Protein backbone atom coordinates (compact mmCIF):
# COMPACT_ATOMS: atom_id res chain seq x y z
CA MET A 1 -10.81 -21.70 -20.19
CA GLU A 2 -7.91 -19.27 -19.93
CA TYR A 3 -6.29 -18.31 -16.63
CA LEU A 4 -4.31 -15.41 -15.21
CA LEU A 5 -1.53 -15.95 -12.69
CA ALA A 6 -0.83 -13.06 -10.30
CA HIS A 7 1.80 -12.61 -7.61
CA ASP A 8 1.48 -10.12 -4.76
CA LEU A 9 5.01 -9.62 -3.42
CA GLY A 10 4.39 -8.22 0.03
CA THR A 11 6.62 -7.49 3.00
CA SER A 12 6.00 -10.74 4.87
CA GLY A 13 5.52 -13.04 1.91
CA ASN A 14 4.33 -13.64 -1.64
CA LYS A 15 0.67 -14.43 -2.24
CA ALA A 16 0.16 -16.13 -5.59
CA THR A 17 -3.34 -16.36 -7.01
CA LEU A 18 -4.83 -18.04 -10.03
CA PHE A 19 -7.93 -16.47 -11.57
CA SER A 20 -10.09 -17.64 -14.45
CA ALA A 21 -10.74 -15.12 -17.21
CA ASP A 22 -14.31 -14.71 -15.95
CA GLY A 23 -13.00 -13.38 -12.62
CA ARG A 24 -13.28 -16.51 -10.48
CA LEU A 25 -10.58 -17.22 -7.90
CA VAL A 26 -9.33 -20.74 -8.59
CA ASP A 27 -6.77 -20.99 -5.80
CA SER A 28 -4.16 -19.04 -3.85
CA VAL A 29 -0.89 -19.98 -2.16
CA THR A 30 1.29 -17.94 0.22
CA TYR A 31 5.00 -18.36 0.89
CA HIS A 32 6.57 -16.34 3.71
CA TYR A 33 10.05 -14.84 3.91
CA PRO A 34 11.89 -12.75 6.53
CA VAL A 35 12.73 -9.07 6.89
CA CYS A 36 16.07 -8.09 8.39
CA TYR A 37 15.60 -5.07 10.70
CA SER A 38 18.63 -3.35 12.19
CA GLU A 39 19.91 -0.11 13.71
CA GLY A 40 16.42 1.17 14.39
CA ASN A 41 15.53 2.41 10.92
CA ARG A 42 16.92 -0.17 8.49
CA ALA A 43 14.88 -2.87 6.77
CA GLU A 44 16.28 -5.22 4.13
CA GLN A 45 15.28 -8.39 2.29
CA ASP A 46 17.15 -10.88 0.15
CA PRO A 47 15.73 -10.72 -3.42
CA GLU A 48 16.50 -14.42 -3.79
CA ASP A 49 13.89 -15.06 -1.08
CA TRP A 50 11.34 -13.37 -3.34
CA TRP A 51 12.37 -15.57 -6.25
CA ARG A 52 12.17 -18.76 -4.18
CA ALA A 53 8.69 -17.71 -3.06
CA VAL A 54 7.58 -17.09 -6.65
CA VAL A 55 9.03 -20.40 -7.83
CA ARG A 56 7.31 -22.46 -5.16
CA THR A 57 3.94 -20.76 -5.38
CA THR A 58 3.93 -20.75 -9.19
CA LYS A 59 4.66 -24.49 -9.26
CA ALA A 60 1.84 -25.15 -6.82
CA LEU A 61 -0.71 -23.19 -8.86
CA ALA A 62 0.49 -24.37 -12.28
CA GLU A 63 -0.38 -27.90 -11.20
CA LYS A 64 -4.04 -26.88 -10.80
CA VAL A 65 -4.52 -26.28 -14.54
CA ASP A 66 -2.84 -27.06 -17.84
CA PRO A 67 0.06 -24.54 -18.04
CA LYS A 68 -0.77 -23.86 -21.70
CA ASP A 69 -4.05 -22.32 -20.51
CA ILE A 70 -2.25 -19.68 -18.42
CA ALA A 71 -2.62 -16.63 -20.68
CA ALA A 72 -0.26 -14.34 -18.76
CA VAL A 73 1.60 -13.70 -15.52
CA SER A 74 1.68 -10.35 -13.74
CA PHE A 75 2.56 -8.77 -10.44
CA SER A 76 1.59 -6.55 -7.56
CA GLY A 77 4.63 -5.62 -5.51
CA GLN A 78 5.83 -3.67 -2.51
CA MET A 79 6.89 -0.20 -3.62
CA MET A 80 9.53 2.39 -2.66
CA GLY A 81 12.37 -0.13 -2.59
CA CYS A 82 15.90 -0.22 -3.94
CA VAL A 83 17.09 -3.42 -5.62
CA CYS A 84 20.58 -3.06 -7.09
CA VAL A 85 21.28 -5.65 -9.79
CA SER A 86 24.33 -6.41 -11.92
CA GLU A 87 24.35 -6.68 -15.69
CA ALA A 88 24.22 -10.46 -15.20
CA GLY A 89 20.89 -9.99 -13.40
CA GLU A 90 22.13 -10.82 -9.91
CA ALA A 91 21.39 -8.79 -6.78
CA VAL A 92 24.46 -6.75 -5.81
CA ARG A 93 23.34 -6.46 -2.18
CA LYS A 94 20.20 -7.04 -0.14
CA ALA A 95 17.25 -4.87 -1.12
CA LEU A 96 16.38 -1.79 0.89
CA ILE A 97 12.60 -2.09 1.24
CA TRP A 98 9.89 0.52 1.74
CA ALA A 99 10.22 0.44 5.56
CA ASP A 100 13.91 1.40 5.43
CA MET A 101 14.32 5.02 6.57
CA ARG A 102 18.11 5.38 6.71
CA ALA A 103 18.32 7.96 3.89
CA VAL A 104 17.64 10.97 6.15
CA GLU A 105 20.87 12.72 5.17
CA GLN A 106 20.11 12.12 1.48
CA GLN A 107 16.69 13.71 1.96
CA ARG A 108 18.42 16.77 3.45
CA GLN A 109 20.83 16.99 0.52
CA ILE A 110 17.98 16.91 -2.01
CA GLY A 111 16.26 19.70 -0.08
CA GLU A 112 19.35 21.87 -0.53
CA ARG A 113 19.29 21.35 -4.31
CA ILE A 114 15.59 21.65 -5.06
CA SER A 115 12.78 23.28 -3.11
CA ALA A 116 10.29 21.07 -1.30
CA ALA A 117 7.49 22.67 -3.33
CA ASP A 118 9.19 21.94 -6.67
CA PHE A 119 9.99 18.39 -5.61
CA TYR A 120 6.34 17.81 -4.67
CA ARG A 121 5.11 19.33 -7.92
CA ILE A 122 7.40 17.19 -10.11
CA THR A 123 7.04 13.86 -8.29
CA GLY A 124 3.61 14.12 -6.65
CA HIS A 125 5.34 13.22 -3.36
CA ARG A 126 6.85 15.18 -0.51
CA LEU A 127 10.51 14.91 0.42
CA SER A 128 11.06 11.80 2.54
CA PRO A 129 13.79 9.22 3.17
CA SER A 130 11.36 6.43 2.34
CA TYR A 131 11.49 6.55 -1.48
CA GLY A 132 13.68 4.48 -3.77
CA GLY A 133 15.80 7.24 -5.28
CA GLN A 134 16.96 8.45 -1.87
CA LYS A 135 17.90 4.88 -0.96
CA LEU A 136 20.01 4.53 -4.10
CA MET A 137 21.73 7.79 -3.12
CA TRP A 138 22.59 6.19 0.22
CA VAL A 139 24.10 3.16 -1.54
CA LYS A 140 26.16 5.44 -3.78
CA GLU A 141 27.52 7.42 -0.83
CA HIS A 142 28.09 4.58 1.64
CA GLU A 143 28.74 1.58 -0.61
CA PRO A 144 30.41 3.01 -3.74
CA GLU A 145 31.56 -0.41 -4.94
CA ALA A 146 27.99 -1.74 -4.81
CA TYR A 147 26.79 1.34 -6.71
CA LYS A 148 29.51 0.86 -9.31
CA ARG A 149 28.44 -2.79 -9.81
CA THR A 150 24.79 -1.75 -10.11
CA TYR A 151 23.73 -2.01 -13.74
CA LYS A 152 20.07 -1.21 -13.04
CA PHE A 153 18.02 -0.08 -10.06
CA LEU A 154 14.72 -1.96 -9.71
CA ASN A 155 11.78 -2.61 -7.41
CA ALA A 156 10.68 -5.99 -6.05
CA LYS A 157 8.37 -7.11 -8.86
CA ASP A 158 10.80 -5.76 -11.48
CA TYR A 159 13.45 -8.11 -10.11
CA ILE A 160 11.10 -11.08 -10.54
CA ILE A 161 10.28 -9.95 -14.09
CA LEU A 162 14.02 -9.87 -14.75
CA LYS A 163 14.38 -13.43 -13.42
CA MET A 164 11.49 -14.60 -15.60
CA THR A 165 12.28 -12.77 -18.83
CA GLY A 166 15.86 -11.50 -18.69
CA ASN A 167 14.64 -7.93 -19.26
CA PHE A 168 15.41 -4.87 -17.11
CA VAL A 169 12.12 -2.95 -16.99
CA THR A 170 9.81 -1.07 -14.68
CA GLU A 171 6.46 0.66 -15.15
CA TYR A 172 4.92 3.96 -14.20
CA THR A 173 3.52 3.09 -10.75
CA ASP A 174 6.78 1.74 -9.36
CA ALA A 175 8.73 4.43 -11.17
CA SER A 176 6.67 7.04 -9.30
CA SER A 177 7.78 5.39 -6.04
CA THR A 178 11.43 6.16 -6.84
CA CYS A 179 10.77 9.93 -6.88
CA LEU A 180 12.77 10.08 -10.10
CA LEU A 181 9.69 10.24 -12.34
CA ASN A 182 8.06 13.40 -13.64
CA LEU A 183 4.48 12.48 -12.79
CA ASP A 184 2.81 14.74 -15.34
CA LYS A 185 5.04 13.66 -18.24
CA LEU A 186 5.54 10.02 -17.13
CA GLN A 187 9.22 10.34 -17.97
CA TRP A 188 12.43 10.07 -15.96
CA SER A 189 13.26 13.57 -14.74
CA ASP A 190 16.67 15.10 -15.51
CA THR A 191 16.04 17.64 -12.74
CA LEU A 192 15.57 14.90 -10.14
CA LEU A 193 18.46 12.78 -11.43
CA GLU A 194 20.73 15.81 -11.10
CA ALA A 195 19.42 16.64 -7.61
CA MET A 196 20.09 13.07 -6.46
CA GLY A 197 23.34 12.63 -8.36
CA ILE A 198 22.14 9.43 -10.02
CA GLY A 199 23.18 8.44 -13.53
CA ARG A 200 20.34 7.88 -16.00
CA GLU A 201 22.08 4.69 -17.14
CA LYS A 202 21.15 3.11 -13.79
CA LEU A 203 17.44 3.30 -14.60
CA PRO A 204 15.50 0.50 -16.34
CA GLU A 205 13.29 0.82 -19.40
CA LEU A 206 10.05 2.60 -18.58
CA HIS A 207 6.72 1.09 -19.67
CA PRO A 208 2.97 1.37 -19.10
CA SER A 209 1.77 -1.20 -16.58
CA THR A 210 -0.09 -3.19 -19.22
CA ASP A 211 2.93 -3.68 -21.48
CA VAL A 212 4.21 -7.21 -21.97
CA ALA A 213 7.68 -7.00 -20.40
CA GLY A 214 8.79 -10.18 -22.12
CA VAL A 215 8.08 -13.90 -22.07
CA VAL A 216 9.09 -16.65 -19.67
CA THR A 217 12.47 -17.97 -20.76
CA ALA A 218 13.17 -21.67 -21.17
CA GLY A 219 15.35 -21.69 -18.04
CA ALA A 220 12.79 -19.90 -15.91
CA ALA A 221 9.98 -22.07 -17.25
CA LYS A 222 11.77 -25.17 -16.04
CA GLU A 223 12.01 -23.72 -12.51
CA LEU A 224 8.47 -22.36 -12.43
CA GLY A 225 6.50 -25.15 -14.06
CA LEU A 226 5.22 -22.76 -16.75
CA LEU A 227 5.52 -22.97 -20.52
CA SER A 228 8.35 -21.00 -22.05
CA GLY A 229 6.93 -18.13 -24.05
CA THR A 230 4.17 -17.33 -21.52
CA PRO A 231 3.64 -13.52 -21.60
CA VAL A 232 4.79 -11.59 -18.54
CA VAL A 233 2.89 -8.31 -18.05
CA CYS A 234 4.55 -5.50 -16.06
CA GLY A 235 1.82 -5.11 -13.43
CA GLY A 236 2.04 -2.43 -10.75
CA GLY A 237 2.77 -1.38 -7.20
CA ASP A 238 0.68 -3.08 -4.53
CA GLY A 239 -1.37 -0.07 -3.47
CA VAL A 240 -2.26 0.76 -7.05
CA CYS A 241 -3.09 -2.85 -7.90
CA ALA A 242 -5.38 -2.98 -4.86
CA ALA A 243 -7.27 0.02 -6.26
CA ILE A 244 -7.76 -1.86 -9.54
CA GLY A 245 -8.93 -4.93 -7.64
CA THR A 246 -11.63 -2.92 -5.87
CA GLY A 247 -12.95 -1.32 -9.04
CA CYS A 248 -11.34 2.07 -8.42
CA VAL A 249 -10.77 2.54 -12.17
CA SER A 250 -12.82 5.68 -12.87
CA GLU A 251 -13.63 8.96 -11.17
CA GLY A 252 -16.16 9.02 -8.34
CA VAL A 253 -15.04 5.77 -6.68
CA ALA A 254 -12.68 5.63 -3.71
CA HIS A 255 -10.64 2.72 -2.41
CA SER A 256 -9.51 2.08 1.15
CA SER A 257 -7.34 -0.62 2.66
CA MET A 258 -7.66 -1.32 6.38
CA GLY A 259 -4.50 -3.35 6.80
CA THR A 260 -1.67 -2.75 9.29
CA SER A 261 -1.15 0.62 7.65
CA SER A 262 -4.33 2.06 6.18
CA TRP A 263 -4.98 4.32 3.26
CA ILE A 264 -7.54 5.99 1.04
CA SER A 265 -6.99 6.54 -2.67
CA ILE A 266 -9.10 7.80 -5.54
CA THR A 267 -8.87 7.68 -9.31
CA SER A 268 -8.47 11.12 -10.88
CA ARG A 269 -7.56 12.57 -14.26
CA HIS A 270 -5.35 15.09 -12.51
CA ALA A 271 -2.92 14.87 -9.62
CA ILE A 272 -3.95 16.59 -6.39
CA TYR A 273 -1.22 18.94 -5.22
CA ASP A 274 -2.23 19.88 -1.70
CA GLU A 275 -0.77 23.14 -0.41
CA GLN A 276 0.12 21.47 2.91
CA GLN A 277 1.40 18.35 1.12
CA ARG A 278 -0.82 16.17 3.31
CA THR A 279 -1.47 13.70 0.49
CA PHE A 280 0.57 12.33 -2.42
CA ASN A 281 0.03 10.89 -5.89
CA TRP A 282 0.96 7.62 -7.58
CA ALA A 283 0.94 7.09 -11.30
CA HIS A 284 -2.10 4.90 -12.03
CA ILE A 285 -2.22 1.61 -13.85
CA VAL A 286 -5.24 2.88 -15.81
CA PRO A 287 -3.98 5.02 -18.72
CA GLY A 288 -4.75 8.72 -18.41
CA TYR A 289 -5.30 8.67 -14.64
CA VAL A 290 -3.38 9.17 -11.41
CA LEU A 291 -4.07 7.81 -7.94
CA PRO A 292 -4.10 10.52 -5.23
CA THR A 293 -3.51 8.76 -1.91
CA GLY A 294 -3.09 9.30 1.80
CA THR A 295 -1.53 6.54 3.91
CA MET A 296 -1.49 6.49 7.70
CA GLN A 297 1.15 4.41 9.44
CA SER A 298 -1.00 2.54 11.93
CA GLY A 299 -4.64 1.91 11.00
CA GLY A 300 -5.59 -1.71 11.39
CA GLY A 301 -2.28 -2.02 13.22
CA ALA A 302 -3.51 0.30 15.99
CA TYR A 303 -6.54 -1.90 16.60
CA GLY A 304 -4.40 -5.05 16.46
CA TRP A 305 -2.01 -3.54 19.00
CA TYR A 306 -4.84 -2.75 21.40
CA VAL A 307 -6.27 -6.26 21.10
CA ASP A 308 -2.88 -7.95 21.55
CA GLN A 309 -1.80 -5.86 24.52
CA LEU A 310 -5.00 -5.15 26.42
CA CYS A 311 -7.56 -7.83 25.58
CA GLY A 312 -6.04 -10.92 27.16
CA GLY A 313 -9.25 -11.69 29.04
CA GLU A 314 -11.29 -11.63 25.87
CA GLY A 315 -8.70 -13.86 24.23
CA ALA A 316 -9.11 -16.46 26.96
CA GLU A 317 -12.91 -16.20 26.70
CA ALA A 318 -12.74 -16.65 22.94
CA GLU A 319 -10.59 -19.74 23.30
CA LYS A 320 -13.04 -21.18 25.81
CA ARG A 321 -15.99 -20.53 23.47
CA GLY A 322 -14.14 -21.68 20.36
CA VAL A 323 -14.59 -18.36 18.51
CA SER A 324 -12.32 -15.55 17.35
CA VAL A 325 -11.37 -12.90 19.90
CA TYR A 326 -12.61 -10.35 17.37
CA ASP A 327 -16.11 -11.87 17.60
CA ILE A 328 -16.05 -11.28 21.37
CA LEU A 329 -14.90 -7.72 20.83
CA GLU A 330 -17.72 -7.03 18.38
CA GLU A 331 -20.11 -7.83 21.23
CA GLU A 332 -18.28 -5.34 23.46
CA LEU A 333 -18.37 -2.68 20.75
CA GLU A 334 -22.13 -2.97 20.39
CA LYS A 335 -22.47 -1.77 24.00
CA SER A 336 -20.64 1.49 23.28
CA PRO A 337 -22.47 4.38 21.57
CA PRO A 338 -21.04 6.31 18.60
CA GLY A 339 -18.68 8.92 19.98
CA SER A 340 -17.43 6.53 22.69
CA ARG A 341 -18.92 8.77 25.40
CA GLY A 342 -16.38 11.48 24.56
CA LEU A 343 -13.30 9.24 24.63
CA LEU A 344 -10.77 10.08 21.89
CA PHE A 345 -7.92 7.99 20.52
CA LEU A 346 -5.01 9.38 18.50
CA PRO A 347 -3.73 6.47 16.38
CA TYR A 348 -0.10 7.56 16.02
CA LEU A 349 1.65 4.46 17.32
CA MET A 350 4.44 4.59 14.71
CA GLY A 351 4.65 8.32 14.13
CA GLU A 352 2.51 9.39 11.21
CA ARG A 353 2.67 9.77 7.47
CA SER A 354 -0.43 11.23 5.83
CA PRO A 355 -2.00 13.54 6.86
CA ARG A 356 0.29 14.67 9.72
CA TRP A 357 3.78 13.78 8.42
CA ASN A 358 5.18 13.81 11.94
CA PRO A 359 7.60 11.03 12.96
CA ASP A 360 7.41 12.21 16.56
CA ALA A 361 3.63 11.83 16.89
CA ARG A 362 2.48 9.36 19.55
CA GLY A 363 -0.72 7.50 20.28
CA ALA A 364 -2.98 8.69 23.10
CA PHE A 365 -6.33 8.16 24.77
CA ILE A 366 -7.83 11.50 25.79
CA GLY A 367 -10.87 12.19 27.93
CA ILE A 368 -10.83 9.01 30.05
CA GLY A 369 -13.51 8.98 32.75
CA MET A 370 -14.85 6.52 35.30
CA GLU A 371 -17.81 5.93 33.02
CA HIS A 372 -15.75 4.46 30.21
CA THR A 373 -15.92 0.77 29.44
CA ARG A 374 -13.73 -1.60 27.45
CA GLY A 375 -16.19 -1.22 24.59
CA ASP A 376 -15.66 2.55 24.64
CA PHE A 377 -11.91 2.08 24.32
CA LEU A 378 -12.36 -0.34 21.42
CA ARG A 379 -14.77 1.98 19.65
CA ALA A 380 -12.50 4.98 20.28
CA VAL A 381 -9.65 3.19 18.49
CA GLN A 382 -11.85 2.51 15.47
CA GLU A 383 -13.17 6.07 15.47
CA GLY A 384 -9.69 7.58 15.81
CA VAL A 385 -8.45 5.72 12.75
CA ALA A 386 -11.59 6.69 10.82
CA MET A 387 -11.33 10.40 11.73
CA ASN A 388 -7.65 10.46 10.78
CA LEU A 389 -8.40 8.91 7.39
CA ASN A 390 -11.28 11.33 6.94
CA ILE A 391 -8.79 14.21 6.92
CA VAL A 392 -7.33 12.62 3.79
CA LEU A 393 -10.79 12.30 2.27
CA GLU A 394 -11.52 15.95 3.04
CA VAL A 395 -8.34 16.99 1.19
CA PHE A 396 -9.63 15.22 -1.90
CA LYS A 397 -13.08 16.76 -1.56
CA SER A 398 -11.57 20.23 -1.16
CA HIS A 399 -9.98 19.76 -4.58
CA GLY A 400 -13.34 19.14 -6.23
CA GLN A 401 -13.53 15.35 -6.03
CA ARG A 402 -17.10 14.10 -5.83
CA LEU A 403 -17.31 10.54 -4.58
CA ARG A 404 -20.22 8.12 -4.95
CA SER A 405 -18.90 5.20 -2.95
CA MET A 406 -15.85 3.59 -1.39
CA ALA A 407 -14.68 -0.01 -1.55
CA VAL A 408 -13.01 -1.17 1.68
CA VAL A 409 -10.70 -4.18 2.00
CA GLY A 410 -8.15 -5.57 4.46
CA GLY A 411 -8.38 -7.17 7.87
CA GLY A 412 -10.07 -4.19 9.51
CA ALA A 413 -12.89 -4.41 6.97
CA LYS A 414 -13.98 -7.68 8.58
CA SER A 415 -15.35 -5.78 11.58
CA ARG A 416 -19.01 -4.88 11.05
CA SER A 417 -18.82 -2.14 13.67
CA TRP A 418 -15.81 -0.59 11.94
CA GLN A 419 -17.56 -0.76 8.58
CA GLN A 420 -20.44 1.26 10.00
CA THR A 421 -18.14 3.73 11.75
CA LEU A 422 -16.22 4.38 8.53
CA ALA A 423 -19.45 4.93 6.58
CA ASP A 424 -20.74 7.28 9.29
CA VAL A 425 -17.52 9.30 9.60
CA TYR A 426 -17.12 9.63 5.82
CA GLY A 427 -20.82 10.16 5.11
CA LEU A 428 -20.30 7.77 2.21
CA LYS A 429 -21.69 4.42 1.09
CA LEU A 430 -19.22 1.58 1.55
CA GLU A 431 -18.96 -1.48 -0.66
CA ILE A 432 -17.54 -4.56 1.06
CA PRO A 433 -16.30 -7.17 -1.43
CA GLU A 434 -16.60 -10.93 -1.16
CA LEU A 435 -12.79 -11.27 -1.14
CA LEU A 436 -11.22 -8.94 1.41
CA ASP A 437 -7.60 -10.11 1.15
CA GLU A 438 -7.11 -10.57 -2.60
CA ALA A 439 -7.53 -7.00 -3.89
CA ALA A 440 -3.89 -6.45 -4.87
CA SER A 441 -3.42 -9.81 -6.59
CA MET A 442 -6.82 -9.37 -8.25
CA GLY A 443 -5.66 -6.02 -9.60
CA ALA A 444 -2.52 -7.66 -10.97
CA ALA A 445 -4.62 -10.36 -12.65
CA ILE A 446 -6.87 -7.75 -14.28
CA THR A 447 -3.78 -5.89 -15.48
CA ALA A 448 -2.44 -9.15 -16.91
CA GLY A 449 -5.72 -9.70 -18.74
CA VAL A 450 -5.65 -6.24 -20.31
CA GLY A 451 -1.99 -6.59 -21.23
CA ALA A 452 -2.48 -10.03 -22.79
CA GLY A 453 -5.50 -8.86 -24.79
CA LEU A 454 -8.09 -10.93 -22.93
CA PHE A 455 -9.85 -7.75 -21.82
CA LYS A 456 -10.47 -4.62 -23.85
CA ASP A 457 -9.93 -2.28 -20.89
CA PHE A 458 -10.18 -1.98 -17.11
CA ASP A 459 -13.97 -2.12 -17.12
CA ALA A 460 -13.20 -5.84 -16.79
CA ALA A 461 -12.64 -5.12 -13.08
CA GLY A 462 -16.42 -5.45 -12.75
CA ARG A 463 -16.28 -9.18 -13.40
CA PHE A 464 -13.70 -9.65 -10.63
CA PHE A 465 -14.92 -7.22 -7.97
CA ARG A 466 -18.03 -8.72 -6.43
CA VAL A 467 -19.80 -6.85 -3.63
CA ASP A 468 -20.83 -8.94 -0.64
CA HIS A 469 -22.82 -6.11 0.97
CA THR A 470 -23.03 -2.34 1.21
CA VAL A 471 -23.07 -0.11 4.29
CA GLU A 472 -25.01 3.15 4.21
CA PRO A 473 -24.06 6.06 6.49
CA ARG A 474 -26.47 6.93 9.27
CA GLU A 475 -27.23 10.63 9.04
CA GLU A 476 -27.45 11.25 12.78
CA ASN A 477 -24.03 9.66 13.34
CA THR A 478 -22.46 11.52 10.43
CA GLU A 479 -23.56 14.75 12.09
CA LEU A 480 -22.16 13.56 15.42
CA TYR A 481 -18.75 12.92 13.86
CA ARG A 482 -18.82 16.28 12.10
CA ARG A 483 -18.92 17.83 15.57
CA LEU A 484 -16.32 15.47 17.05
CA SER A 485 -13.72 15.60 14.26
CA PRO A 486 -12.55 19.18 15.01
CA VAL A 487 -12.03 18.14 18.63
CA PHE A 488 -9.95 15.20 17.44
CA ASP A 489 -7.83 17.57 15.34
CA ARG A 490 -7.35 20.02 18.22
CA ALA A 491 -6.25 17.15 20.46
CA TYR A 492 -3.42 16.35 18.05
CA GLN A 493 -2.41 20.00 17.69
CA GLY A 494 -2.43 20.46 21.46
CA LEU A 495 -0.04 17.55 21.99
CA LEU A 496 2.65 18.75 19.59
CA PRO A 497 4.82 20.22 22.40
CA VAL A 498 4.38 16.97 24.34
CA TYR A 499 5.60 14.91 21.37
CA GLU A 500 8.70 17.09 21.17
CA GLY A 501 9.28 16.64 24.90
CA ILE A 502 8.99 12.84 24.63
CA ARG A 503 11.49 12.81 21.76
CA SER A 504 13.96 14.89 23.78
CA PHE A 505 13.52 12.58 26.77
CA LEU A 506 14.15 9.45 24.70
CA GLU A 507 17.22 11.00 23.09
CA GLY A 508 18.61 11.58 26.58
């Protein structure tokens, strides 16, 4: 039996998984590491923490099988970062990760050199301080010595590939998160390099995700417990790998993650360039496709916040009964009707990315009456997230996308009531997989299998993605949400002056 080793390098830790070639999860191990937050909008990590995590988790999994049976290693990794490495392969400084938003001035400079519309059309993304290229600009302007010592600019998984193989490479999905890639041509863009003032020599070799980046060196093999010569496949960014892991490898199938942030993505032969730039596009792992996406800042996180801050009584009751607090809350939710008796929730607890793109947006309950119960508040949170994500889905539909089903993963997908609400709001059949937390690492394993020649193509995702159950939309509720969604949208629009007032107040 041959095996595939996959690493999912997330923000809080690395989840390593070992899959058999027939799609069975053999085992998984997680190793956590810290994030250094500072000055309000800065977020950094030490790349050596990533390497230590990969070493420890690889060793643990390699002991489960004969290392010679591990056919390939690959990666899913956090995107939109900036890892500056020297020619010797060492990190020049801590990595600026996706959550780092310090490059606001660099965003402004780019906007003076290229129009927002042209930037969006070349990259598939709107102008933002969150992408890797803007972060490298910041390093160049504020830490010129670090920039000078930077031989190549990488993302998280690319750094681990470098440590394993000695090669400086990236692939299309992570390259599209730098905003230095021409999405249509899948080539580094001279126009964008000039607009950002970045030298082409700083960029790594560009590859398809399924390319073998190199093999595990003798030195790395000794640290990892692998055989030297084991193929290392490039892999992809975490959001794109999660789409692979949920079978979103052809048109007509959507993928949604209900984690702390939540998103919807689809597989398409053509990028979706929305006139309002509400959504964006990643390069896809699957050749010939792109992955139009919309990510909201606080999806599952909004529900988690409500539970943590306002459900202390239920927490105590759950502890007394020896069950999860979320089980207690499901009972409360069942008592609230769809529509939450007219109670609305705007889920903008961390500003908003897609579809609003408003850092000043704030969360709100609207329409509170004496008749409302705790269950109504809980259901309103779930409905607010669903209606916000549905705006993203409607963008895709307006561009001619016809969807048959949607696979949903992440912590929020564990709630049966939320599953039904999502199906009802979208008017779409949901597929809930057996493994809700392994989609990204599963996608990396499938990519490894294709790259190593174990699988002919990405149809192999079918042997990994196993549906636990499906959820059909209820027609009467879909109609109810069709009437409520415009009210939800008007509530946001009506609060725009209030958001500006709150920002002014906080700024003093």
